[in-house]
Amino acid sequence: MDLMQITKNENGDWPTLEEWPTVEADVTCRTPGCPVEGVTYRITMYRNADGVLRAHCGRCNTPNDDIIEVPHG
């Protein structure tokens, strides 16, 4: 399922969690003073219906915008 296929079905329901597409991404916290500032983690993220990847740092809980999707293969 790619981004263009993330739509509600004929009943108006979104795909189930098991059907929802995921992406691999490298995420780096850039918050000054955070214990993991500058550390990059590769994580699996659910793709949002609007195509925007969103994350929060697991240590300082700051919204994170340094997210780079890792291409497949």
PDB file of N, CA and C in Angstrom:
ATOM      1  N   MET A   1       0.857  -1.171   0.000  1.00  0.00           N
ATOM      2  CA  MET A   1       0.000   0.000   0.000  1.00  0.00           C
ATOM      3  C   MET A   1       0.902   1.231   0.000  1.00  0.00           C
ATOM      4  N   ASP A   2       0.772   2.097  -0.977  1.00  0.00           N
ATOM      5  CA  ASP A   2       1.571   3.314  -0.982  1.00  0.00           C
ATOM      6  C   ASP A   2       0.725   4.500  -0.542  1.00  0.00           C
ATOM      7  N   LEU A   3       1.354   5.679  -0.520  1.00  0.00           N
ATOM      8  CA  LEU A   3       0.684   6.870  -0.015  1.00  0.00           C
ATOM      9  C   LEU A   3      -0.625   7.140  -0.744  1.00  0.00           C
ATOM     10  N   MET A   4      -0.670   6.961  -2.039  1.00  0.00           N
ATOM     11  CA  MET A   4      -1.866   7.270  -2.804  1.00  0.00           C
ATOM     12  C   MET A   4      -3.008   6.305  -2.493  1.00  0.00           C
ATOM     13  N   GLN A   5      -2.735   5.196  -1.861  1.00  0.00           N
ATOM     14  CA  GLN A   5      -3.764   4.219  -1.548  1.00  0.00           C
ATOM     15  C   GLN A   5      -4.317   4.362  -0.134  1.00  0.00           C
ATOM     16  N   ILE A   6      -3.829   5.311   0.640  1.00  0.00           N
ATOM     17  CA  ILE A   6      -4.324   5.475   2.006  1.00  0.00           C
ATOM     18  C   ILE A   6      -5.626   6.264   1.939  1.00  0.00           C
ATOM     19  N   THR A   7      -6.701   5.535   1.846  1.00  0.00           N
ATOM     20  CA  THR A   7      -8.026   6.146   1.771  1.00  0.00           C
ATOM     21  C   THR A   7      -8.995   5.305   2.585  1.00  0.00           C
ATOM     22  N   LYS A   8     -10.114   5.883   2.882  1.00  0.00           N
ATOM     23  CA  LYS A   8     -11.150   5.137   3.575  1.00  0.00           C
ATOM     24  C   LYS A   8     -11.785   4.150   2.595  1.00  0.00           C
ATOM     25  N   ASN A   9     -12.269   3.035   3.127  1.00  0.00           N
ATOM     26  CA  ASN A   9     -12.914   2.041   2.275  1.00  0.00           C
ATOM     27  C   ASN A   9     -14.364   2.436   2.004  1.00  0.00           C
ATOM     28  N   GLU A  10     -15.093   1.568   1.334  1.00  0.00           N
ATOM     29  CA  GLU A  10     -16.479   1.871   0.966  1.00  0.00           C
ATOM     30  C   GLU A  10     -17.396   2.085   2.170  1.00  0.00           C
ATOM     31  N   ASN A  11     -16.985   1.600   3.348  1.00  0.00           N
ATOM     32  CA  ASN A  11     -17.761   1.799   4.579  1.00  0.00           C
ATOM     33  C   ASN A  11     -17.336   3.060   5.337  1.00  0.00           C
ATOM     34  N   GLY A  12     -16.345   3.786   4.797  1.00  0.00           N
ATOM     35  CA  GLY A  12     -15.868   4.991   5.459  1.00  0.00           C
ATOM     36  C   GLY A  12     -14.842   4.725   6.540  1.00  0.00           C
ATOM     37  N   ASP A  13     -14.267   3.507   6.560  1.00  0.00           N
ATOM     38  CA  ASP A  13     -13.274   3.139   7.569  1.00  0.00           C
ATOM     39  C   ASP A  13     -11.869   3.253   6.990  1.00  0.00           C
ATOM     40  N   TRP A  14     -10.921   3.688   7.848  1.00  0.00           N
ATOM     41  CA  TRP A  14      -9.521   3.699   7.456  1.00  0.00           C
ATOM     42  C   TRP A  14      -8.987   2.269   7.512  1.00  0.00           C
ATOM     43  N   PRO A  15      -7.849   1.981   6.856  1.00  0.00           N
ATOM     44  CA  PRO A  15      -7.247   0.645   6.963  1.00  0.00           C
ATOM     45  C   PRO A  15      -6.947   0.302   8.422  1.00  0.00           C
ATOM     46  N   THR A  16      -6.954  -0.982   8.736  1.00  0.00           N
ATOM     47  CA  THR A  16      -6.603  -1.415  10.087  1.00  0.00           C
ATOM     48  C   THR A  16      -5.116  -1.166  10.322  1.00  0.00           C
ATOM     49  N   LEU A  17      -4.686  -1.217  11.575  1.00  0.00           N
ATOM     50  CA  LEU A  17      -3.289  -0.999  11.905  1.00  0.00           C
ATOM     51  C   LEU A  17      -2.389  -1.984  11.164  1.00  0.00           C
ATOM     52  N   GLU A  18      -2.836  -3.221  11.012  1.00  0.00           N
ATOM     53  CA  GLU A  18      -2.042  -4.232  10.315  1.00  0.00           C
ATOM     54  C   GLU A  18      -1.908  -3.912   8.824  1.00  0.00           C
ATOM     55  N   GLU A  19      -2.870  -3.194   8.263  1.00  0.00           N
ATOM     56  CA  GLU A  19      -2.851  -2.849   6.843  1.00  0.00           C
ATOM     57  C   GLU A  19      -2.168  -1.509   6.562  1.00  0.00           C
ATOM     58  N   TRP A  20      -1.964  -0.707   7.601  1.00  0.00           N
ATOM     59  CA  TRP A  20      -1.446   0.642   7.403  1.00  0.00           C
ATOM     60  C   TRP A  20       0.019   0.585   6.972  1.00  0.00           C
ATOM     61  N   PRO A  21       0.425   1.369   5.966  1.00  0.00           N
ATOM     62  CA  PRO A  21       1.810   1.313   5.478  1.00  0.00           C
ATOM     63  C   PRO A  21       2.798   1.919   6.472  1.00  0.00           C
ATOM     64  N   THR A  22       3.979   1.343   6.500  1.00  0.00           N
ATOM     65  CA  THR A  22       5.060   1.841   7.345  1.00  0.00           C
ATOM     66  C   THR A  22       6.248   2.205   6.471  1.00  0.00           C
ATOM     67  N   VAL A  23       7.130   3.029   7.017  1.00  0.00           N
ATOM     68  CA  VAL A  23       8.377   3.392   6.346  1.00  0.00           C
ATOM     69  C   VAL A  23       9.507   3.281   7.357  1.00  0.00           C
ATOM     70  N   GLU A  24      10.698   3.020   6.865  1.00  0.00           N
ATOM     71  CA  GLU A  24      11.899   3.084   7.694  1.00  0.00           C
ATOM     72  C   GLU A  24      12.424   4.510   7.582  1.00  0.00           C
ATOM     73  N   ALA A  25      12.838   5.088   8.701  1.00  0.00           N
ATOM     74  CA  ALA A  25      13.343   6.455   8.682  1.00  0.00           C
ATOM     75  C   ALA A  25      14.467   6.615   9.693  1.00  0.00           C
ATOM     76  N   ASP A  26      15.386   7.518   9.372  1.00  0.00           N
ATOM     77  CA  ASP A  26      16.427   7.927  10.304  1.00  0.00           C
ATOM     78  C   ASP A  26      15.946   9.211  10.968  1.00  0.00           C
ATOM     79  N   VAL A  27      15.883   9.200  12.299  1.00  0.00           N
ATOM     80  CA  VAL A  27      15.371  10.341  13.061  1.00  0.00           C
ATOM     81  C   VAL A  27      16.461  10.813  14.018  1.00  0.00           C
ATOM     82  N   THR A  28      16.710  12.135  14.027  1.00  0.00           N
ATOM     83  CA  THR A  28      17.750  12.711  14.861  1.00  0.00           C
ATOM     84  C   THR A  28      17.163  13.850  15.691  1.00  0.00           C
ATOM     85  N   CYS A  29      17.353  13.794  17.006  1.00  0.00           N
ATOM     86  CA  CYS A  29      16.918  14.898  17.868  1.00  0.00           C
ATOM     87  C   CYS A  29      17.954  16.012  17.774  1.00  0.00           C
ATOM     88  N   ARG A  30      17.478  17.234  17.589  1.00  0.00           N
ATOM     89  CA  ARG A  30      18.357  18.407  17.503  1.00  0.00           C
ATOM     90  C   ARG A  30      18.110  19.385  18.641  1.00  0.00           C
ATOM     91  N   THR A  31      17.429  18.933  19.708  1.00  0.00           N
ATOM     92  CA  THR A  31      17.115  19.819  20.830  1.00  0.00           C
ATOM     93  C   THR A  31      18.359  20.033  21.694  1.00  0.00           C
ATOM     94  N   PRO A  32      18.815  21.283  21.836  1.00  0.00           N
ATOM     95  CA  PRO A  32      19.995  21.547  22.667  1.00  0.00           C
ATOM     96  C   PRO A  32      19.801  21.026  24.097  1.00  0.00           C
ATOM     97  N   GLY A  33      20.796  20.307  24.586  1.00  0.00           N
ATOM     98  CA  GLY A  33      20.761  19.785  25.943  1.00  0.00           C
ATOM     99  C   GLY A  33      20.081  18.439  26.096  1.00  0.00           C
ATOM    100  N   CYS A  34      19.404  17.948  25.070  1.00  0.00           N
ATOM    101  CA  CYS A  34      18.778  16.621  25.156  1.00  0.00           C
ATOM    102  C   CYS A  34      19.881  15.565  25.275  1.00  0.00           C
ATOM    103  N   PRO A  35      19.683  14.531  26.104  1.00  0.00           N
ATOM    104  CA  PRO A  35      20.708  13.496  26.256  1.00  0.00           C
ATOM    105  C   PRO A  35      21.069  12.782  24.952  1.00  0.00           C
ATOM    106  N   VAL A  36      20.155  12.796  23.969  1.00  0.00           N
ATOM    107  CA  VAL A  36      20.445  12.128  22.692  1.00  0.00           C
ATOM    108  C   VAL A  36      20.547  13.147  21.545  1.00  0.00           C
ATOM    109  N   GLU A  37      20.856  14.395  21.875  1.00  0.00           N
ATOM    110  CA  GLU A  37      21.033  15.420  20.839  1.00  0.00           C
ATOM    111  C   GLU A  37      22.098  14.967  19.843  1.00  0.00           C
ATOM    112  N   GLY A  38      21.758  14.983  18.575  1.00  0.00           N
ATOM    113  CA  GLY A  38      22.700  14.610  17.522  1.00  0.00           C
ATOM    114  C   GLY A  38      22.797  13.122  17.252  1.00  0.00           C
ATOM    115  N   VAL A  39      22.101  12.295  18.015  1.00  0.00           N
ATOM    116  CA  VAL A  39      22.129  10.846  17.807  1.00  0.00           C
ATOM    117  C   VAL A  39      21.014  10.468  16.830  1.00  0.00           C
ATOM    118  N   THR A  40      21.351   9.671  15.823  1.00  0.00           N
ATOM    119  CA  THR A  40      20.373   9.245  14.827  1.00  0.00           C
ATOM    120  C   THR A  40      19.945   7.814  15.116  1.00  0.00           C
ATOM    121  N   TYR A  41      18.636   7.605  15.089  1.00  0.00           N
ATOM    122  CA  TYR A  41      18.059   6.281  15.297  1.00  0.00           C
ATOM    123  C   TYR A  41      17.273   5.891  14.053  1.00  0.00           C
ATOM    124  N   ARG A  42      17.393   4.651  13.611  1.00  0.00           N
ATOM    125  CA  ARG A  42      16.566   4.140  12.514  1.00  0.00           C
ATOM    126  C   ARG A  42      15.331   3.502  13.136  1.00  0.00           C
ATOM    127  N   ILE A  43      14.166   3.977  12.733  1.00  0.00           N
ATOM    128  CA  ILE A  43      12.915   3.481  13.294  1.00  0.00           C
ATOM    129  C   ILE A  43      11.928   3.161  12.182  1.00  0.00           C
ATOM    130  N   THR A  44      10.936   2.363  12.520  1.00  0.00           N
ATOM    131  CA  THR A  44       9.814   2.101  11.631  1.00  0.00           C
ATOM    132  C   THR A  44       8.687   3.026  12.043  1.00  0.00           C
ATOM    133  N   MET A  45       8.140   3.764  11.080  1.00  0.00           N
ATOM    134  CA  MET A  45       7.087   4.733  11.354  1.00  0.00           C
ATOM    135  C   MET A  45       5.867   4.410  10.505  1.00  0.00           C
ATOM    136  N   TYR A  46       4.700   4.696  11.036  1.00  0.00           N
ATOM    137  CA  TYR A  46       3.488   4.616  10.231  1.00  0.00           C
ATOM    138  C   TYR A  46       3.406   5.860   9.362  1.00  0.00           C
ATOM    139  N   ARG A  47       3.060   5.662   8.098  1.00  0.00           N
ATOM    140  CA  ARG A  47       2.907   6.793   7.184  1.00  0.00           C
ATOM    141  C   ARG A  47       1.563   7.471   7.460  1.00  0.00           C
ATOM    142  N   ASN A  48       1.568   8.785   7.567  1.00  0.00           N
ATOM    143  CA  ASN A  48       0.333   9.540   7.774  1.00  0.00           C
ATOM    144  C   ASN A  48      -0.411   9.699   6.455  1.00  0.00           C
ATOM    145  N   ALA A  49      -1.720   9.807   6.533  1.00  0.00           N
ATOM    146  CA  ALA A  49      -2.536   9.939   5.327  1.00  0.00           C
ATOM    147  C   ALA A  49      -2.168  11.185   4.537  1.00  0.00           C
ATOM    148  N   ASP A  50      -1.678  12.236   5.220  1.00  0.00           N
ATOM    149  CA  ASP A  50      -1.298  13.457   4.511  1.00  0.00           C
ATOM    150  C   ASP A  50       0.134  13.402   3.982  1.00  0.00           C
ATOM    151  N   GLY A  51       0.838  12.295   4.227  1.00  0.00           N
ATOM    152  CA  GLY A  51       2.189  12.119   3.712  1.00  0.00           C
ATOM    153  C   GLY A  51       3.285  12.716   4.570  1.00  0.00           C
ATOM    154  N   VAL A  52       2.933  13.410   5.649  1.00  0.00           N
ATOM    155  CA  VAL A  52       3.926  14.049   6.509  1.00  0.00           C
ATOM    156  C   VAL A  52       4.348  13.066   7.597  1.00  0.00           C
ATOM    157  N   LEU A  53       5.654  12.840   7.706  1.00  0.00           N
ATOM    158  CA  LEU A  53       6.167  11.992   8.780  1.00  0.00           C
ATOM    159  C   LEU A  53       6.342  12.847  10.027  1.00  0.00           C
ATOM    160  N   ARG A  54       5.890  12.341  11.169  1.00  0.00           N
ATOM    161  CA  ARG A  54       5.968  13.076  12.432  1.00  0.00           C
ATOM    162  C   ARG A  54       6.571  12.192  13.509  1.00  0.00           C
ATOM    163  N   ALA A  55       7.390  12.795  14.363  1.00  0.00           N
ATOM    164  CA  ALA A  55       7.997  12.050  15.459  1.00  0.00           C
ATOM    165  C   ALA A  55       8.236  12.986  16.631  1.00  0.00           C
ATOM    166  N   HIS A  56       8.352  12.407  17.816  1.00  0.00           N
ATOM    167  CA  HIS A  56       8.750  13.112  19.031  1.00  0.00           C
ATOM    168  C   HIS A  56       9.951  12.367  19.599  1.00  0.00           C
ATOM    169  N   CYS A  57      10.889  13.105  20.153  1.00  0.00           N
ATOM    170  CA  CYS A  57      12.053  12.486  20.782  1.00  0.00           C
ATOM    171  C   CYS A  57      11.594  11.667  21.986  1.00  0.00           C
ATOM    172  N   GLY A  58      12.109  10.463  22.102  1.00  0.00           N
ATOM    173  CA  GLY A  58      11.762   9.598  23.219  1.00  0.00           C
ATOM    174  C   GLY A  58      12.395  10.015  24.533  1.00  0.00           C
ATOM    175  N   ARG A  59      13.368  10.910  24.486  1.00  0.00           N
ATOM    176  CA  ARG A  59      14.026  11.358  25.715  1.00  0.00           C
ATOM    177  C   ARG A  59      13.497  12.703  26.201  1.00  0.00           C
ATOM    178  N   CYS A  60      13.360  13.689  25.280  1.00  0.00           N
ATOM    179  CA  CYS A  60      12.937  15.031  25.720  1.00  0.00           C
ATOM    180  C   CYS A  60      11.515  15.365  25.278  1.00  0.00           C
ATOM    181  N   ASN A  61      10.888  14.473  24.525  1.00  0.00           N
ATOM    182  CA  ASN A  61       9.499  14.607  24.067  1.00  0.00           C
ATOM    183  C   ASN A  61       9.263  15.846  23.194  1.00  0.00           C
ATOM    184  N   THR A  62      10.312  16.342  22.558  1.00  0.00           N
ATOM    185  CA  THR A  62      10.194  17.480  21.660  1.00  0.00           C
ATOM    186  C   THR A  62       9.777  16.990  20.274  1.00  0.00           C
ATOM    187  N   PRO A  63       8.815  17.677  19.616  1.00  0.00           N
ATOM    188  CA  PRO A  63       8.494  17.297  18.238  1.00  0.00           C
ATOM    189  C   PRO A  63       9.761  17.339  17.390  1.00  0.00           C
ATOM    190  N   ASN A  64       9.914  16.370  16.531  1.00  0.00           N
ATOM    191  CA  ASN A  64      11.141  16.209  15.771  1.00  0.00           C
ATOM    192  C   ASN A  64      10.876  16.418  14.292  1.00  0.00           C
ATOM    193  N   ASP A  65      11.665  17.282  13.647  1.00  0.00           N
ATOM    194  CA  ASP A  65      11.488  17.471  12.215  1.00  0.00           C
ATOM    195  C   ASP A  65      12.696  17.023  11.399  1.00  0.00           C
ATOM    196  N   ASP A  66      13.693  16.421  12.049  1.00  0.00           N
ATOM    197  CA  ASP A  66      14.841  15.870  11.318  1.00  0.00           C
ATOM    198  C   ASP A  66      14.563  14.390  11.069  1.00  0.00           C
ATOM    199  N   ILE A  67      13.713  14.131  10.079  1.00  0.00           N
ATOM    200  CA  ILE A  67      13.269  12.771   9.739  1.00  0.00           C
ATOM    201  C   ILE A  67      13.596  12.531   8.270  1.00  0.00           C
ATOM    202  N   ILE A  68      14.385  11.516   8.004  1.00  0.00           N
ATOM    203  CA  ILE A  68      14.767  11.198   6.629  1.00  0.00           C
ATOM    204  C   ILE A  68      14.303   9.791   6.324  1.00  0.00           C
ATOM    205  N   GLU A  69      13.386   9.664   5.364  1.00  0.00           N
ATOM    206  CA  GLU A  69      12.896   8.344   4.973  1.00  0.00           C
ATOM    207  C   GLU A  69      14.022   7.584   4.281  1.00  0.00           C
ATOM    208  N   VAL A  70      14.183   6.313   4.639  1.00  0.00           N
ATOM    209  CA  VAL A  70      15.225   5.464   4.067  1.00  0.00           C
ATOM    210  C   VAL A  70      14.605   4.717   2.886  1.00  0.00           C
ATOM    211  N   PRO A  71      15.155   4.904   1.677  1.00  0.00           N
ATOM    212  CA  PRO A  71      14.605   4.218   0.507  1.00  0.00           C
ATOM    213  C   PRO A  71      14.713   2.703   0.641  1.00  0.00           C
ATOM    214  N   HIS A  72      13.769   1.988   0.071  1.00  0.00           N
ATOM    215  CA  HIS A  72      13.804   0.529   0.073  1.00  0.00           C
ATOM    216  C   HIS A  72      14.850   0.041  -0.913  1.00  0.00           C
ATOM    217  N   GLY A  73      15.580  -1.005  -0.483  1.00  0.00           N
ATOM    218  CA  GLY A  73      16.490  -1.757  -1.315  1.00  0.00           C
ATOM    219  C   GLY A  73      17.513  -1.006  -2.007  1.00  0.00           C
TER     220      GLY A  73
END
